[in-house]
Amino acid sequence: MTELVWKKDRKTEKICPECGGVFVTSKSYKKFCSLKCCYTYSNRRDHKRYKHNRRAREKNAPGSFKMEDFFELIKGLKNICPSCGNCIRTNCFSVDHIMPLSKGGSNYISNIQPLCYLCNVKKNTKIINFLHHQFQQAPHETGRCS
């Protein structure tokens, strides 16, 4: 008679990219703590892509970019705003056009830089490439990885 040996469930703690909450799972592919967080996260990405591409079409700007490319830029910066140096959650970055659409800029990924909301508002329609001039401003008090 052979004895069955059950493998123990290997449960790991993960952090939800949407809400930042910690959850325990035995499934390696699970990224979110709930379906609500999964839906909110994916819906936000689709909505951002639609909103930015629509605005570019209204301005007759050439080109478009995928949100996956934008998130690769953020990943390359290690979730740090290139303007102020604060660590920001991935879904809290805003899309900034180096050469603004209002001044004839394109909507290609080469004209896009991820900035935190406050830095994007401060930049307004100025032509500044923070990817080449990193950490020019003092960090915001509210900026931190959360």
C-alpha atoms as a PDB file:
ATOM      1  CA  MET A   1       0.000   0.000   0.000  1.00  0.00           C
ATOM      2  CA  THR A   2       1.405   3.348  -1.001  1.00  0.00           C
ATOM      3  CA  GLU A   3       0.921   6.449   0.986  1.00  0.00           C
ATOM      4  CA  LEU A   4      -0.170   9.667  -0.702  1.00  0.00           C
ATOM      5  CA  VAL A   5       1.885  12.698   0.175  1.00  0.00           C
ATOM      6  CA  TRP A   6       0.074  15.976  -0.238  1.00  0.00           C
ATOM      7  CA  LYS A   7       2.085  19.011  -1.058  1.00  0.00           C
ATOM      8  CA  LYS A   8       1.388  21.839   1.285  1.00  0.00           C
ATOM      9  CA  ASP A   9      -0.124  24.942  -0.212  1.00  0.00           C
ATOM     10  CA  ARG A  10       2.641  27.450  -0.651  1.00  0.00           C
ATOM     11  CA  LYS A  11       0.971  30.644   0.372  1.00  0.00           C
ATOM     12  CA  THR A  12       2.710  33.942  -0.155  1.00  0.00           C
ATOM     13  CA  GLU A  13       1.928  37.487   0.826  1.00  0.00           C
ATOM     14  CA  LYS A  14       1.451  39.927  -2.023  1.00  0.00           C
ATOM     15  CA  ILE A  15       0.648  43.614  -2.281  1.00  0.00           C
ATOM     16  CA  CYS A  16      -2.326  44.668  -4.403  1.00  0.00           C
ATOM     17  CA  PRO A  17      -1.193  47.244  -7.015  1.00  0.00           C
ATOM     18  CA  GLU A  18      -4.569  49.018  -6.840  1.00  0.00           C
ATOM     19  CA  CYS A  19      -5.313  49.490  -3.135  1.00  0.00           C
ATOM     20  CA  GLY A  20      -1.901  48.704  -1.642  1.00  0.00           C
ATOM     21  CA  GLY A  21      -3.413  46.117   0.685  1.00  0.00           C
ATOM     22  CA  VAL A  22      -1.584  42.941   1.666  1.00  0.00           C
ATOM     23  CA  PHE A  23      -3.253  39.619   0.835  1.00  0.00           C
ATOM     24  CA  VAL A  24      -2.288  35.961   1.074  1.00  0.00           C
ATOM     25  CA  THR A  25      -2.603  33.632  -1.904  1.00  0.00           C
ATOM     26  CA  SER A  26      -1.368  30.270  -3.067  1.00  0.00           C
ATOM     27  CA  LYS A  27      -1.811  31.204  -6.737  1.00  0.00           C
ATOM     28  CA  SER A  28       1.314  32.635  -8.365  1.00  0.00           C
ATOM     29  CA  TYR A  29      -0.665  34.419 -11.085  1.00  0.00           C
ATOM     30  CA  LYS A  30      -2.966  36.332  -8.730  1.00  0.00           C
ATOM     31  CA  LYS A  31      -2.075  40.041  -8.620  1.00  0.00           C
ATOM     32  CA  PHE A  32      -5.078  41.691  -6.975  1.00  0.00           C
ATOM     33  CA  CYS A  33      -6.748  41.194  -3.610  1.00  0.00           C
ATOM     34  CA  SER A  34     -10.260  41.262  -5.100  1.00  0.00           C
ATOM     35  CA  LEU A  35     -12.175  41.396  -8.363  1.00  0.00           C
ATOM     36  CA  LYS A  36     -13.137  44.975  -7.552  1.00  0.00           C
ATOM     37  CA  CYS A  37      -9.472  46.041  -7.446  1.00  0.00           C
ATOM     38  CA  CYS A  38      -8.737  44.118 -10.649  1.00  0.00           C
ATOM     39  CA  TYR A  39     -11.646  45.776 -12.470  1.00  0.00           C
ATOM     40  CA  THR A  40     -10.828  49.261 -11.159  1.00  0.00           C
ATOM     41  CA  TYR A  41      -7.174  48.922 -12.151  1.00  0.00           C
ATOM     42  CA  SER A  42      -7.857  47.688 -15.689  1.00  0.00           C
ATOM     43  CA  ASN A  43     -10.727  50.144 -16.220  1.00  0.00           C
ATOM     44  CA  ARG A  44      -8.516  53.064 -15.153  1.00  0.00           C
ATOM     45  CA  ARG A  45      -5.838  52.038 -17.665  1.00  0.00           C
ATOM     46  CA  ASP A  46      -8.375  51.791 -20.495  1.00  0.00           C
ATOM     47  CA  HIS A  47      -9.998  55.097 -19.543  1.00  0.00           C
ATOM     48  CA  LYS A  48      -6.619  56.906 -19.442  1.00  0.00           C
ATOM     49  CA  ARG A  49      -5.677  55.546 -22.862  1.00  0.00           C
ATOM     50  CA  TYR A  50      -9.011  56.587 -24.341  1.00  0.00           C
ATOM     51  CA  LYS A  51      -8.913  60.064 -22.768  1.00  0.00           C
ATOM     52  CA  HIS A  52      -5.384  60.877 -23.947  1.00  0.00           C
ATOM     53  CA  ASN A  53      -5.862  59.518 -27.463  1.00  0.00           C
ATOM     54  CA  ARG A  54      -9.155  61.416 -27.813  1.00  0.00           C
ATOM     55  CA  ARG A  55      -7.538  64.682 -26.745  1.00  0.00           C
ATOM     56  CA  ALA A  56      -4.690  64.118 -29.211  1.00  0.00           C
ATOM     57  CA  ARG A  57      -7.168  63.498 -32.041  1.00  0.00           C
ATOM     58  CA  GLU A  58      -8.997  66.737 -31.173  1.00  0.00           C
ATOM     59  CA  LYS A  59      -5.685  68.631 -31.457  1.00  0.00           C
ATOM     60  CA  ASN A  60      -4.834  66.786 -34.715  1.00  0.00           C
ATOM     61  CA  ALA A  61      -1.618  65.577 -33.121  1.00  0.00           C
ATOM     62  CA  PRO A  62       0.182  62.803 -34.970  1.00  0.00           C
ATOM     63  CA  GLY A  63       0.838  59.445 -33.333  1.00  0.00           C
ATOM     64  CA  SER A  64      -0.489  57.453 -30.431  1.00  0.00           C
ATOM     65  CA  PHE A  65       0.954  55.312 -27.659  1.00  0.00           C
ATOM     66  CA  LYS A  66      -0.089  52.271 -25.692  1.00  0.00           C
ATOM     67  CA  MET A  67      -0.524  52.456 -21.941  1.00  0.00           C
ATOM     68  CA  GLU A  68       1.753  49.405 -21.695  1.00  0.00           C
ATOM     69  CA  ASP A  69       4.555  51.596 -23.119  1.00  0.00           C
ATOM     70  CA  PHE A  70       3.732  54.316 -20.587  1.00  0.00           C
ATOM     71  CA  PHE A  71       3.873  51.824 -17.716  1.00  0.00           C
ATOM     72  CA  GLU A  72       7.236  50.574 -19.052  1.00  0.00           C
ATOM     73  CA  LEU A  73       8.531  54.171 -18.745  1.00  0.00           C
ATOM     74  CA  ILE A  74       7.348  54.256 -15.127  1.00  0.00           C
ATOM     75  CA  LYS A  75       8.967  50.883 -14.455  1.00  0.00           C
ATOM     76  CA  GLY A  76      12.245  52.135 -15.959  1.00  0.00           C
ATOM     77  CA  LEU A  77      12.132  55.117 -13.576  1.00  0.00           C
ATOM     78  CA  LYS A  78      11.464  52.748 -10.636  1.00  0.00           C
ATOM     79  CA  ASN A  79       8.216  54.594  -9.779  1.00  0.00           C
ATOM     80  CA  ILE A  80      10.100  57.842  -9.144  1.00  0.00           C
ATOM     81  CA  CYS A  81       8.828  61.122 -10.565  1.00  0.00           C
ATOM     82  CA  PRO A  82      11.655  62.491 -12.765  1.00  0.00           C
ATOM     83  CA  SER A  83      10.778  66.062 -11.774  1.00  0.00           C
ATOM     84  CA  CYS A  84      10.687  65.991  -7.968  1.00  0.00           C
ATOM     85  CA  GLY A  85      12.177  62.598  -7.076  1.00  0.00           C
ATOM     86  CA  ASN A  86       9.212  61.321  -5.087  1.00  0.00           C
ATOM     87  CA  CYS A  87       8.216  57.679  -5.206  1.00  0.00           C
ATOM     88  CA  ILE A  88       4.671  57.386  -6.575  1.00  0.00           C
ATOM     89  CA  ARG A  89       2.285  54.441  -7.020  1.00  0.00           C
ATOM     90  CA  THR A  90       2.144  53.308 -10.651  1.00  0.00           C
ATOM     91  CA  ASN A  91      -1.499  54.210 -11.126  1.00  0.00           C
ATOM     92  CA  CYS A  92      -0.993  57.740  -9.718  1.00  0.00           C
ATOM     93  CA  PHE A  93       1.337  59.000 -12.452  1.00  0.00           C
ATOM     94  CA  SER A  94      -0.062  61.388 -15.028  1.00  0.00           C
ATOM     95  CA  VAL A  95       0.804  61.483 -18.710  1.00  0.00           C
ATOM     96  CA  ASP A  96       2.773  64.604 -19.622  1.00  0.00           C
ATOM     97  CA  HIS A  97       3.697  65.648 -23.140  1.00  0.00           C
ATOM     98  CA  ILE A  98       7.238  67.075 -23.255  1.00  0.00           C
ATOM     99  CA  MET A  99       6.200  69.298 -26.174  1.00  0.00           C
ATOM    100  CA  PRO A 100       2.558  70.063 -25.285  1.00  0.00           C
ATOM    101  CA  LEU A 101      -0.158  69.161 -27.758  1.00  0.00           C
ATOM    102  CA  SER A 102      -1.287  72.793 -27.653  1.00  0.00           C
ATOM    103  CA  LYS A 103       2.116  73.815 -29.025  1.00  0.00           C
ATOM    104  CA  GLY A 104       2.163  71.253 -31.834  1.00  0.00           C
ATOM    105  CA  GLY A 105       3.634  68.289 -29.961  1.00  0.00           C
ATOM    106  CA  SER A 106       2.999  64.702 -31.007  1.00  0.00           C
ATOM    107  CA  ASN A 107       1.313  61.900 -29.138  1.00  0.00           C
ATOM    108  CA  TYR A 108       4.147  59.418 -29.743  1.00  0.00           C
ATOM    109  CA  ILE A 109       5.682  57.694 -26.709  1.00  0.00           C
ATOM    110  CA  SER A 110       8.946  59.579 -27.402  1.00  0.00           C
ATOM    111  CA  ASN A 111       7.117  62.820 -26.477  1.00  0.00           C
ATOM    112  CA  ILE A 112       5.641  61.362 -23.255  1.00  0.00           C
ATOM    113  CA  GLN A 113       7.045  61.511 -19.733  1.00  0.00           C
ATOM    114  CA  PRO A 114       5.401  60.235 -16.541  1.00  0.00           C
ATOM    115  CA  LEU A 115       5.078  62.917 -13.852  1.00  0.00           C
ATOM    116  CA  CYS A 116       3.248  63.027 -10.552  1.00  0.00           C
ATOM    117  CA  TYR A 117       0.088  65.112 -10.653  1.00  0.00           C
ATOM    118  CA  LEU A 118       1.553  68.126  -8.825  1.00  0.00           C
ATOM    119  CA  CYS A 119       4.607  68.335 -11.102  1.00  0.00           C
ATOM    120  CA  ASN A 120       2.428  68.027 -14.184  1.00  0.00           C
ATOM    121  CA  VAL A 121       0.217  70.888 -12.981  1.00  0.00           C
ATOM    122  CA  LYS A 122       3.279  73.050 -12.213  1.00  0.00           C
ATOM    123  CA  LYS A 123       4.816  72.341 -15.627  1.00  0.00           C
ATOM    124  CA  ASN A 124       1.620  73.457 -17.373  1.00  0.00           C
ATOM    125  CA  THR A 125       2.474  74.152 -21.055  1.00  0.00           C
ATOM    126  CA  LYS A 126       6.214  74.687 -20.649  1.00  0.00           C
ATOM    127  CA  ILE A 127       8.562  72.598 -22.793  1.00  0.00           C
ATOM    128  CA  ILE A 128      10.713  70.747 -20.241  1.00  0.00           C
ATOM    129  CA  ASN A 129      12.120  67.251 -20.639  1.00  0.00           C
ATOM    130  CA  PHE A 130      12.532  66.021 -17.063  1.00  0.00           C
ATOM    131  CA  LEU A 131      13.833  62.673 -18.301  1.00  0.00           C
ATOM    132  CA  HIS A 132      17.124  64.475 -19.088  1.00  0.00           C
ATOM    133  CA  HIS A 133      17.017  66.918 -16.137  1.00  0.00           C
ATOM    134  CA  GLN A 134      16.017  64.755 -13.197  1.00  0.00           C
ATOM    135  CA  PHE A 135      15.079  66.005  -9.723  1.00  0.00           C
ATOM    136  CA  GLN A 136      14.996  69.748 -10.367  1.00  0.00           C
ATOM    137  CA  GLN A 137      12.333  70.569  -7.779  1.00  0.00           C
ATOM    138  CA  ALA A 138      12.202  69.994  -4.045  1.00  0.00           C
ATOM    139  CA  PRO A 139      10.192  66.877  -3.118  1.00  0.00           C
ATOM    140  CA  HIS A 140       6.570  67.371  -2.136  1.00  0.00           C
ATOM    141  CA  GLU A 141       5.628  66.595   1.440  1.00  0.00           C
ATOM    142  CA  THR A 142       2.839  64.274   0.295  1.00  0.00           C
ATOM    143  CA  GLY A 143       4.993  62.308  -2.169  1.00  0.00           C
ATOM    144  CA  ARG A 144       5.943  58.825  -1.064  1.00  0.00           C
ATOM    145  CA  CYS A 145       5.467  55.257  -2.135  1.00  0.00           C
ATOM    146  CA  SER A 146       2.046  54.275  -0.954  1.00  0.00           C
END
